[in-house]
Protein backbone atom coordinates (compact mmCIF):
# COMPACT_ATOMS: atom_id res chain seq x y z
CA MET A 1 0.00 0.00 0.00
CA ASP A 2 10.39 6.22 1.01
CA SER A 3 8.99 8.81 3.27
CA VAL A 4 7.06 11.44 1.36
CA GLN A 5 7.02 15.18 1.99
CA ILE A 6 3.59 16.55 1.22
CA GLU A 7 3.45 20.03 -0.22
CA THR A 8 1.33 22.17 2.06
CA THR A 9 0.71 24.87 -0.49
CA ALA A 10 -2.45 26.84 -0.92
CA PRO A 11 -5.38 24.99 -2.51
CA LEU A 12 -4.99 24.52 -6.21
CA THR A 13 -6.79 26.84 -8.61
CA LEU A 14 -7.04 25.22 -12.01
CA GLU A 15 -8.35 26.51 -15.29
CA PHE A 16 -11.34 24.72 -16.71
CA PRO A 17 -10.19 22.63 -19.68
CA GLN A 18 -10.78 24.14 -23.09
CA ILE A 19 -12.78 21.68 -25.12
CA ALA A 20 -13.63 23.72 -28.22
CA SER A 21 -10.79 22.19 -30.22
CA PRO A 22 -9.64 18.99 -28.51
CA PRO A 23 -6.69 17.01 -29.80
CA THR A 24 -7.42 14.04 -31.97
CA SER A 25 -5.92 11.63 -29.45
CA ILE A 26 -6.09 12.21 -25.75
CA SER A 27 -5.53 10.18 -22.59
CA PRO A 28 -7.46 10.62 -19.34
CA ASN A 29 -4.47 12.35 -17.79
CA SER A 30 -3.51 14.67 -20.64
CA ARG A 31 -5.59 17.59 -19.41
CA ILE A 32 -4.07 17.66 -15.94
CA PRO A 33 -0.84 19.68 -15.68
CA LYS A 34 2.23 17.69 -14.71
CA ASP A 35 2.84 19.74 -11.57
CA THR A 36 -0.72 19.07 -10.47
CA ILE A 37 -0.32 15.34 -11.08
CA ARG A 38 2.95 15.36 -9.14
CA THR A 39 1.36 17.11 -6.15
CA SER A 40 -1.61 14.73 -6.27
CA LEU A 41 0.62 11.65 -6.29
CA LYS A 42 2.57 12.95 -3.29
CA ALA A 43 -0.68 13.62 -1.45
CA SER A 44 -1.98 10.15 -2.27
CA THR A 45 1.25 8.59 -0.98
CA ALA A 46 1.02 10.59 2.25
CA ASP A 47 -2.60 9.46 2.55
CA SER A 48 -1.51 5.83 2.24
CA VAL A 49 1.07 6.28 5.02
CA LEU A 50 -1.47 7.73 7.45
CA ALA A 51 -4.14 5.25 6.37
CA SER A 52 -1.78 2.36 7.15
CA VAL A 53 -1.61 3.58 10.76
CA TYR A 54 -5.40 3.68 10.80
CA SER A 55 -5.59 0.17 9.37
CA LEU A 56 -3.23 -1.40 11.90
CA GLY A 57 -5.51 -0.25 14.72
CA THR A 58 -8.82 -1.16 13.10
CA GLY A 59 -7.90 -4.55 11.69
CA GLY A 60 -5.24 -7.18 11.38
CA ILE A 61 -3.42 -8.75 14.28
CA LEU A 62 -4.34 -6.18 16.94
CA LEU A 63 -8.07 -6.50 16.38
CA SER A 64 -7.71 -10.29 16.25
CA ASN A 65 -5.84 -10.22 19.54
CA LEU A 66 -8.66 -8.16 21.10
CA LEU A 67 -11.16 -10.88 20.18
CA VAL A 68 -8.85 -13.59 21.53
CA GLU A 69 -8.62 -11.68 24.84
CA LEU A 70 -12.40 -11.42 24.91
CA GLY A 71 -12.78 -15.18 24.38
CA ALA A 72 -14.28 -15.07 20.88
CA SER A 73 -14.84 -18.32 18.97
CA PRO A 74 -13.51 -19.20 15.48
CA VAL A 75 -16.96 -18.40 14.09
CA VAL A 76 -16.56 -14.83 15.36
CA PHE A 77 -13.18 -14.67 13.64
CA GLY A 78 -14.84 -15.83 10.45
CA MET A 79 -17.46 -13.10 10.81
CA LEU A 80 -14.75 -10.51 11.47
CA SER A 81 -13.03 -11.42 8.21
CA SER A 82 -16.16 -11.95 6.11
CA ILE A 83 -17.88 -8.67 6.98
CA PRO A 84 -15.40 -6.43 5.10
CA MET A 85 -15.75 -8.64 2.05
CA LEU A 86 -19.49 -9.17 2.19
CA VAL A 87 -20.23 -5.45 2.39
CA ASN A 88 -18.55 -5.11 -1.01
CA LEU A 89 -22.01 -5.98 -2.33
CA ILE A 90 -22.85 -2.36 -1.65
CA GLN A 91 -20.08 -1.10 -3.94
CA PRO A 92 -22.28 -0.95 -7.08
CA LEU A 93 -24.66 1.30 -5.13
CA GLY A 94 -21.67 3.36 -4.01
CA ALA A 95 -20.47 3.66 -7.60
CA TYR A 96 -23.95 4.73 -8.71
CA LEU A 97 -24.13 7.41 -6.01
CA SER A 98 -20.58 8.61 -6.59
CA GLU A 99 -21.20 9.14 -10.31
CA ARG A 100 -24.01 11.49 -9.35
CA SER A 101 -21.90 13.50 -6.97
CA THR A 102 -20.04 16.65 -8.02
CA SER A 103 -16.78 16.04 -6.14
CA ARG A 104 -14.75 12.90 -5.50
CA PHE A 105 -13.18 14.58 -2.48
CA GLN A 106 -16.47 15.54 -0.84
CA TYR A 107 -17.88 12.08 -1.49
CA SER A 108 -14.83 10.51 0.15
CA LEU A 109 -15.31 12.67 3.24
CA ARG A 110 -18.93 11.60 3.56
CA THR A 111 -18.16 7.91 3.29
CA HIS A 112 -14.67 7.16 4.60
CA GLY A 113 -14.71 10.08 7.04
CA ILE A 114 -17.83 8.96 8.89
CA GLY A 115 -16.70 5.34 8.70
CA ARG A 116 -13.42 6.12 10.44
CA LEU A 117 -15.05 8.25 13.12
CA LEU A 118 -17.34 5.35 14.06
CA TRP A 119 -14.35 3.57 15.63
CA LEU A 120 -14.41 6.15 18.42
CA ILE A 121 -17.54 4.36 19.65
CA LEU A 122 -15.44 1.24 20.22
CA VAL A 123 -12.91 3.33 22.14
CA ILE A 124 -15.77 4.43 24.40
CA GLY A 125 -16.91 0.79 24.67
CA ILE A 126 -13.45 -0.35 25.78
CA ALA A 127 -13.37 2.43 28.39
CA SER A 128 -16.81 1.31 29.59
CA ALA A 129 -15.63 -2.31 29.81
CA SER A 130 -12.71 -1.19 31.99
CA LEU A 131 -15.23 0.40 34.35
CA GLY A 132 -17.36 -2.76 34.41
CA VAL A 133 -20.27 -1.21 32.52
CA VAL A 134 -19.89 -3.53 29.50
CA ASP A 135 -18.97 -7.22 29.64
CA ALA A 136 -16.76 -9.16 27.22
CA HIS A 137 -19.64 -10.61 25.20
CA GLN A 138 -21.21 -7.20 24.68
CA LEU A 139 -17.86 -5.77 23.65
CA VAL A 140 -17.46 -8.52 21.02
CA ILE A 141 -20.90 -7.67 19.61
CA LEU A 142 -20.05 -3.95 19.61
CA THR A 143 -16.78 -4.67 17.79
CA LEU A 144 -18.53 -6.65 15.06
CA LEU A 145 -21.18 -3.93 14.73
CA ILE A 146 -18.54 -1.20 14.30
CA VAL A 147 -16.70 -3.36 11.75
CA LEU A 148 -19.96 -3.79 9.83
CA LEU A 149 -20.98 -0.12 9.78
CA SER A 150 -17.49 1.19 9.09
CA ASN A 151 -16.98 -1.19 6.20
CA LEU A 152 -20.42 -0.44 4.78
CA LEU A 153 -19.48 3.21 4.51
CA GLY A 154 -16.06 2.27 3.17
CA GLY A 155 -17.73 0.07 0.56
CA LEU A 156 -19.80 3.01 -0.62
CA GLY A 157 -16.62 5.00 -1.23
CA THR A 158 -14.09 2.46 -2.48
CA ALA A 159 -15.07 2.38 -6.17
CA SER A 160 -15.16 6.18 -6.28
CA TRP A 161 -11.69 6.43 -4.73
CA LEU A 162 -10.21 3.86 -7.13
CA SER A 163 -11.74 5.62 -10.11
CA TRP A 164 -10.38 8.94 -8.79
CA VAL A 165 -6.84 7.59 -8.51
CA ALA A 166 -7.10 5.86 -11.88
CA MET A 167 -7.83 9.22 -13.52
CA ILE A 168 -4.87 10.92 -11.82
CA VAL A 169 -2.12 8.33 -12.30
CA PRO A 170 -0.78 8.12 -15.87
CA ARG A 171 -1.21 4.61 -17.23
CA GLN A 172 2.49 4.17 -17.99
CA LEU A 173 3.43 4.99 -14.38
CA ARG A 174 0.85 2.90 -12.54
CA GLY A 175 3.14 0.03 -11.70
CA ARG A 176 5.87 2.29 -10.39
CA PHE A 177 3.52 4.62 -8.53
CA PHE A 178 1.51 1.94 -6.76
CA GLY A 179 4.72 0.11 -5.97
CA THR A 180 6.17 3.23 -4.34
CA ARG A 181 2.88 4.11 -2.65
CA ASN A 182 2.45 0.66 -1.17
CA SER A 183 6.10 0.59 -0.14
CA ALA A 184 5.62 3.79 1.85
CA ALA A 185 2.58 2.27 3.54
CA ASN A 186 4.43 -0.93 4.34
CA LEU A 187 7.40 0.99 5.72
CA THR A 188 4.96 2.65 8.11
CA THR A 189 3.53 -0.73 9.05
CA LEU A 190 7.05 -2.09 9.56
CA VAL A 191 7.79 0.64 12.10
CA CYS A 192 4.42 1.06 13.78
CA VAL A 193 3.11 -2.51 14.20
CA PRO A 194 5.84 -3.65 16.65
CA MET A 195 5.42 -0.43 18.62
CA ALA A 196 1.66 -0.92 18.79
CA GLY A 197 2.14 -4.58 19.77
CA LEU A 198 4.40 -3.59 22.65
CA VAL A 199 1.87 -1.00 23.85
CA VAL A 200 -0.95 -3.55 23.78
CA SER A 201 1.11 -6.31 25.39
CA HIS A 202 2.67 -4.22 28.18
CA TRP A 203 -0.02 -1.64 28.96
CA TYR A 204 -0.41 -1.42 32.72
CA GLY A 205 -4.20 -1.67 32.51
CA GLY A 206 -4.18 -4.81 30.39
CA SER A 207 -4.07 -5.61 26.70
CA VAL A 208 -7.70 -4.60 26.10
CA GLN A 209 -7.06 -1.11 27.48
CA GLY A 210 -3.82 -0.95 25.53
CA TYR A 211 -5.70 -1.71 22.35
CA GLY A 212 -8.10 1.13 23.14
CA ILE A 213 -5.20 3.58 23.29
CA VAL A 214 -3.75 2.32 20.00
CA LEU A 215 -7.19 2.48 18.39
CA LEU A 216 -7.67 6.11 19.44
CA VAL A 217 -4.32 7.11 17.94
CA SER A 218 -5.11 5.15 14.76
CA VAL A 219 -8.41 6.97 14.23
CA VAL A 220 -6.68 10.35 14.59
CA PHE A 221 -4.13 9.37 11.93
CA GLY A 222 -6.93 8.07 9.71
CA ILE A 223 -8.68 11.43 9.75
CA MET A 224 -5.39 13.15 8.97
CA GLY A 225 -5.03 10.84 5.97
CA LEU A 226 -8.36 11.98 4.58
CA GLY A 227 -7.09 15.54 4.95
CA CYS A 228 -4.26 14.70 2.54
CA GLN A 229 -6.86 13.98 -0.15
CA TYR A 230 -7.61 17.71 -0.16
CA PHE A 231 -4.34 18.21 -2.05
CA GLN A 232 -5.31 15.70 -4.77
CA VAL A 233 -6.78 17.26 -7.87
CA ASP A 234 -10.54 16.88 -7.52
CA MET A 235 -12.83 15.26 -10.09
CA ASN A 236 -16.42 16.05 -11.01
CA PRO A 237 -18.04 12.86 -12.37
CA ARG A 238 -21.07 14.76 -13.68
CA CYS A 239 -19.30 17.56 -15.53
CA LEU A 240 -19.20 15.80 -18.90
CA GLY A 241 -21.75 13.13 -18.15
CA LEU A 242 -18.97 10.54 -18.40
CA GLN A 243 -19.02 10.91 -22.17
CA ALA A 244 -15.49 12.07 -22.70
CA THR A 245 -12.83 11.12 -20.20
CA GLN A 246 -15.20 9.98 -17.47
CA ASN A 247 -14.20 12.83 -15.20
CA THR A 248 -13.09 16.41 -15.54
CA TYR A 249 -11.21 18.14 -12.81
CA TYR A 250 -11.38 21.48 -11.13
CA GLY A 251 -9.58 23.31 -8.35
CA LYS A 252 -10.64 23.25 -4.75
CA LEU A 253 -11.78 26.89 -4.77
CA THR A 254 -12.90 27.69 -8.30
CA GLN A 255 -15.84 25.94 -9.91
CA PRO A 256 -16.75 26.07 -13.63
CA SER A 257 -18.85 29.11 -14.41
CA GLU A 258 -22.38 28.84 -15.71
CA ILE A 259 -21.25 29.98 -19.15
CA GLN A 260 -18.54 27.35 -19.30
CA SER A 261 -21.01 24.71 -18.15
CA GLU A 262 -23.31 25.59 -21.05
CA VAL A 263 -20.37 25.23 -23.44
CA VAL A 264 -19.69 21.81 -21.97
CA LYS A 265 -23.29 20.72 -22.50
CA GLU A 266 -23.31 21.88 -26.12
CA GLU A 267 -19.96 20.44 -27.14
CA SER A 268 -19.53 17.32 -24.99
CA SER A 269 -21.07 15.05 -27.61
CA GLU A 270 -18.65 16.29 -30.28
CA VAL A 271 -15.71 15.95 -27.91
CA ALA A 272 -16.71 12.43 -26.95
CA GLN A 273 -16.75 11.36 -30.58
CA SER A 274 -13.35 12.90 -31.26
CA ILE A 275 -11.76 11.37 -28.18
CA HIS A 276 -13.51 8.01 -28.16
CA PRO A 277 -14.82 6.85 -31.53
CA PRO A 278 -18.10 4.89 -31.41
CA GLN A 279 -17.57 1.37 -30.25
CA ASP A 280 -19.45 -1.82 -30.87
CA GLN A 281 -22.33 -2.24 -28.43
CA SER A 282 -20.83 -5.43 -27.00
CA THR A 283 -17.79 -3.52 -25.70
CA ASN A 284 -20.02 -1.03 -23.91
CA SER A 285 -21.86 -3.72 -21.99
CA ILE A 286 -20.19 -5.06 -18.89
CA TRP A 287 -21.75 -8.46 -19.29
CA LYS A 288 -20.66 -8.75 -22.91
CA ASN A 289 -17.06 -7.89 -22.09
CA SER A 290 -15.59 -11.39 -22.12
CA ASN A 291 -12.18 -10.28 -20.90
CA PHE A 292 -13.70 -8.61 -17.86
CA LEU A 293 -15.84 -11.68 -17.14
CA ILE A 294 -12.75 -13.91 -17.21
CA PHE A 295 -11.05 -11.57 -14.76
CA LEU A 296 -14.19 -11.60 -12.61
CA LEU A 297 -14.15 -15.41 -12.51
CA TYR A 298 -10.50 -15.44 -11.45
CA PHE A 299 -10.94 -12.63 -8.92
CA SER A 300 -13.98 -14.23 -7.28
CA PHE A 301 -12.66 -17.77 -7.02
CA TRP A 302 -9.26 -16.53 -5.86
CA ALA A 303 -10.96 -14.55 -3.08
CA LEU A 304 -12.83 -17.66 -1.94
CA ALA A 305 -9.71 -19.83 -2.02
CA VAL A 306 -7.52 -17.34 -0.17
CA ASN A 307 -10.06 -16.58 2.53
CA LEU A 308 -10.61 -20.19 3.37
CA SER A 309 -7.38 -19.94 5.38
CA SER A 310 -5.99 -16.39 5.53
CA PRO A 311 -8.13 -15.12 8.42
CA PHE A 312 -7.08 -18.06 10.56
CA PHE A 313 -3.29 -17.81 10.46
CA ASN A 314 -3.35 -15.22 13.26
CA LEU A 315 -5.83 -17.34 15.21
CA TYR A 316 -3.52 -20.33 14.80
CA MET A 317 -0.59 -18.39 16.26
CA LEU A 318 -2.49 -16.60 19.05
CA ASP A 319 -4.77 -19.43 20.13
CA THR A 320 -3.40 -22.81 19.01
CA LEU A 321 0.29 -21.96 19.48
CA ASP A 322 -0.52 -19.53 22.34
CA LEU A 323 2.06 -16.97 21.20
CA ASP A 324 2.23 -13.52 22.77
CA VAL A 325 0.85 -10.75 20.57
CA SER A 326 4.22 -8.99 20.57
CA TYR A 327 5.76 -11.99 18.76
CA VAL A 328 3.02 -11.95 16.13
CA THR A 329 3.40 -8.22 15.53
CA ILE A 330 7.12 -8.76 14.95
CA TYR A 331 6.26 -11.42 12.37
CA ASN A 332 3.91 -8.94 10.71
CA SER A 333 6.76 -6.45 10.63
CA PHE A 334 8.93 -8.98 8.80
CA GLN A 335 6.09 -9.41 6.32
CA ALA A 336 5.78 -5.64 5.87
CA ALA A 337 9.55 -5.36 5.38
CA ALA A 338 9.50 -8.00 2.66
CA THR A 339 6.59 -6.25 0.97
CA LEU A 340 8.46 -2.96 1.19
CA LEU A 341 11.56 -4.39 -0.46
CA MET A 342 9.71 -6.19 -3.23
CA LEU A 343 6.96 -3.75 -4.20
CA ILE A 344 9.09 -1.40 -6.28
CA LEU A 345 10.70 -4.40 -8.01
CA TRP A 346 7.31 -5.91 -8.82
CA GLY A 347 6.04 -2.53 -10.01
CA ARG A 348 8.89 -2.06 -12.48
CA LEU A 349 8.68 -5.67 -13.62
CA ALA A 350 4.94 -5.32 -14.18
CA ASP A 351 5.51 -2.23 -16.33
CA LYS A 352 8.05 -4.20 -18.36
CA ILE A 353 6.53 -7.65 -18.88
CA GLY A 354 2.91 -7.15 -17.83
CA ASN A 355 0.84 -8.15 -14.82
CA ARG A 356 -0.61 -11.45 -16.03
CA PRO A 357 2.66 -13.46 -16.12
CA ILE A 358 3.49 -12.30 -12.58
CA LEU A 359 0.03 -13.23 -11.32
CA ILE A 360 0.38 -16.74 -12.72
CA CYS A 361 3.94 -17.46 -11.56
CA ILE A 362 3.71 -15.90 -8.11
CA GLY A 363 0.15 -17.17 -7.74
CA ILE A 364 1.45 -20.74 -7.81
CA LEU A 365 3.85 -19.94 -4.98
CA VAL A 366 1.11 -18.24 -2.97
CA GLY A 367 -1.11 -21.23 -3.69
CA VAL A 368 1.18 -23.73 -1.99
CA THR A 369 2.07 -21.43 0.94
CA PRO A 370 -0.68 -22.77 3.29
CA LEU A 371 0.93 -26.21 3.04
CA LEU A 372 4.08 -24.77 4.62
CA TRP A 373 2.11 -24.15 7.82
CA LEU A 374 1.65 -27.89 8.30
CA GLY A 375 3.86 -29.10 11.13
CA ILE A 376 4.51 -25.64 12.58
CA GLY A 377 4.57 -25.87 16.37
CA ALA A 378 5.47 -23.82 19.42
CA ASN A 379 9.09 -24.99 19.64
CA HIS A 380 11.99 -22.55 19.48
CA LEU A 381 13.03 -23.48 15.92
CA ASP A 382 9.58 -22.74 14.53
CA ILE A 383 9.10 -19.57 16.59
CA TRP A 384 12.45 -18.01 15.75
CA LEU A 385 13.08 -19.37 12.23
CA TRP A 386 10.19 -20.90 10.31
CA LEU A 387 7.44 -18.47 11.31
CA PRO A 388 9.55 -15.41 10.42
CA LEU A 389 10.50 -17.03 7.10
CA LEU A 390 6.86 -17.79 6.32
CA HIS A 391 5.90 -14.18 6.91
CA ILE A 392 8.79 -12.91 4.81
CA LEU A 393 7.69 -15.21 1.98
CA ALA A 394 4.10 -14.01 2.33
CA GLY A 395 5.18 -10.38 2.24
CA GLY A 396 7.23 -10.75 -0.93
CA THR A 397 4.67 -12.80 -2.84
CA TRP A 398 1.53 -10.94 -1.80
CA ALA A 399 3.19 -7.68 -2.81
CA ALA A 400 3.12 -8.99 -6.38
CA ILE A 401 -0.42 -10.39 -6.19
CA ASP A 402 -2.01 -7.24 -4.76
CA LEU A 403 -0.14 -4.86 -7.04
CA CYS A 404 -0.70 -6.79 -10.27
CA SER A 405 -4.35 -7.58 -9.52
CA ASN A 406 -4.97 -3.87 -9.03
CA ASN A 407 -3.07 -2.92 -12.17
CA ILE A 408 -4.73 -5.45 -14.42
CA GLN A 409 -8.15 -4.42 -13.15
CA LEU A 410 -7.36 -0.80 -14.01
CA ALA A 411 -6.25 -1.88 -17.48
CA ILE A 412 -9.27 -4.06 -18.25
CA ALA A 413 -11.96 -1.63 -17.09
CA PRO A 414 -12.81 0.85 -19.86
CA THR A 415 -12.52 4.55 -19.06
CA LYS A 416 -16.25 5.16 -19.34
CA ASN A 417 -18.15 4.14 -16.17
CA GLN A 418 -14.94 2.74 -14.76
CA SER A 419 -16.13 2.82 -11.16
CA ILE A 420 -19.04 0.53 -12.06
CA TYR A 421 -16.58 -2.14 -13.22
CA PHE A 422 -14.54 -1.75 -10.04
CA ALA A 423 -17.66 -2.02 -7.90
CA ILE A 424 -18.90 -5.19 -9.61
CA ALA A 425 -15.49 -6.85 -9.27
CA ALA A 426 -15.29 -5.89 -5.60
CA ALA A 427 -18.84 -7.10 -4.93
CA ALA A 428 -18.25 -10.46 -6.59
CA ALA A 429 -14.95 -10.98 -4.78
CA GLY A 430 -16.52 -9.83 -1.53
CA VAL A 431 -19.30 -12.40 -1.68
CA SER A 432 -16.84 -15.14 -2.62
CA GLY A 433 -14.39 -14.12 0.09
CA ALA A 434 -17.13 -13.98 2.71
CA LEU A 435 -18.28 -17.43 1.64
CA GLY A 436 -14.71 -18.66 2.00
CA THR A 437 -14.30 -17.31 5.54
CA THR A 438 -17.71 -18.66 6.53
CA ILE A 439 -16.84 -22.14 5.30
CA GLY A 440 -13.40 -21.86 6.88
CA SER A 441 -14.77 -20.78 10.27
CA PHE A 442 -17.07 -23.80 10.47
CA ILE A 443 -14.30 -26.18 9.43
CA ALA A 444 -12.00 -24.64 12.06
CA GLN A 445 -14.73 -24.92 14.69
CA PHE A 446 -14.89 -28.71 14.51
CA ALA A 447 -11.74 -30.53 15.57
CA GLN A 448 -13.02 -33.85 14.23
CA SER A 449 -12.84 -32.51 10.65
CA GLY A 450 -9.14 -31.78 11.02
CA GLY A 451 -9.45 -28.21 12.26
CA LEU A 452 -7.16 -25.52 10.96
CA LEU A 453 -4.61 -27.83 9.34
CA SER A 454 -7.17 -29.44 7.03
CA LEU A 455 -8.36 -25.95 6.22
CA PHE A 456 -4.86 -24.99 5.08
CA VAL A 457 -4.70 -27.99 2.73
CA LEU A 458 -8.12 -27.25 1.23
CA SER A 459 -7.20 -23.61 0.69
CA ALA A 460 -3.99 -24.56 -1.14
CA LEU A 461 -5.89 -26.77 -3.58
CA PHE A 462 -8.51 -24.10 -4.27
CA ARG A 463 -5.86 -21.42 -4.81
CA LEU A 464 -4.15 -23.44 -7.53
CA VAL A 465 -7.46 -24.11 -9.31
CA ALA A 466 -8.32 -20.38 -9.12
CA LEU A 467 -5.34 -19.55 -11.35
CA VAL A 468 -6.77 -21.40 -14.36
CA PRO A 469 -8.86 -18.46 -15.72
CA LEU A 470 -5.69 -16.36 -15.96
CA MET A 471 -4.55 -18.65 -18.79
CA PHE A 472 -7.37 -17.25 -20.93
CA LEU A 473 -7.13 -13.62 -19.83
CA GLN A 474 -5.88 -11.01 -22.30
CA GLU A 475 -4.11 -8.06 -20.71
CA PRO A 476 -4.75 -4.85 -22.68
CA GLY A 477 -1.64 -3.39 -24.24
CA ARG A 478 0.25 -6.68 -24.11
CA GLY A 479 0.87 -9.11 -26.91
């Protein structure tokens, strides 16, 4: 998801693009000045750094450890992991609403901003539990409720944010930019996760109180991250009715005048034809876009296969192996470090050879990774050698999977109504992923079926099968 200095200049004032005589060939980014793009990319990178601090407090190992401390069952862990994926069903609605907004930035504040503030309710709940007002069971229910509501709001805004970034980042720089952006986020995780783990593990009032302190700090950083989006060039999805380049941009202070708006209405049809020649009806229909449907099949089945086991690796370490949370946060730091080192490499390699070959080759390695957990115990060799190596392997390989999946999705989705494509892909993968965690939680619940270890084997088999659709996928711009 390399420290970045954000330029705290005055809000940008941009001229409305002149469309009377457009060039014969234009890219979505050609109307945005280079300096504006550069400032926007720096702001987006700073946002990712602050958002990574928010994420470590509102998910991952620290939130899992809270549920372990509260005595939650594997089914609760399955629910915790499936909720963020299942709420992706709301992304098409979010995309629909975002395309009828007049500002990507304002829409992001209304969705992600409120969603992040909701976590303050859990901070209050933890404080109440310390005073004996709320018991452990009620706190578990409150945690799941906050996860649900926060992710619902996030789901409404995700497609809009992805479409916003896709319009800002030049296509030829996407691999490099997202590699650098994610590296900055993972560097933050590398530094902050062990510190947060130590706070939670050694807080004088107990680990639950310690988590409350970390959560409060995380929410503050999350709100600061949204503030960085103010420095990204804003987009108005409605300005050209998505006929030309899907979005036009404007400065934070100056809006298009009424006269200019009338010019847009009169000439947008002519501009659309000059920029994007009429296409066959089949390419305009999502469900007739065979390349997108192949990607959707891969993305959905991969989400199911991965989430059969992924949510339960932390449970295996915290509960089955009974490791202290500080050990697990150190492992997560190793994983973040590996991701940090490999992201820029994967980004440059993806720009050079394409994303599909990387997804296939690295996907096979990720597919067999759950089998490497078989036989891991609580002895010193496993704790100090094999578990760190497993996390380093996961960090390096998942850096490629996440980056290339994002890039190939951006390449496949056409410019027009791009957020709708993103929303449908996220919704399909969300349902599949939620189904995977639900199945996995019930398998893990029953020891007679083999428990977590049988789950790891099943997940490995499904992951390898999920790679088959990639053999038939055509990546745009690649031979």
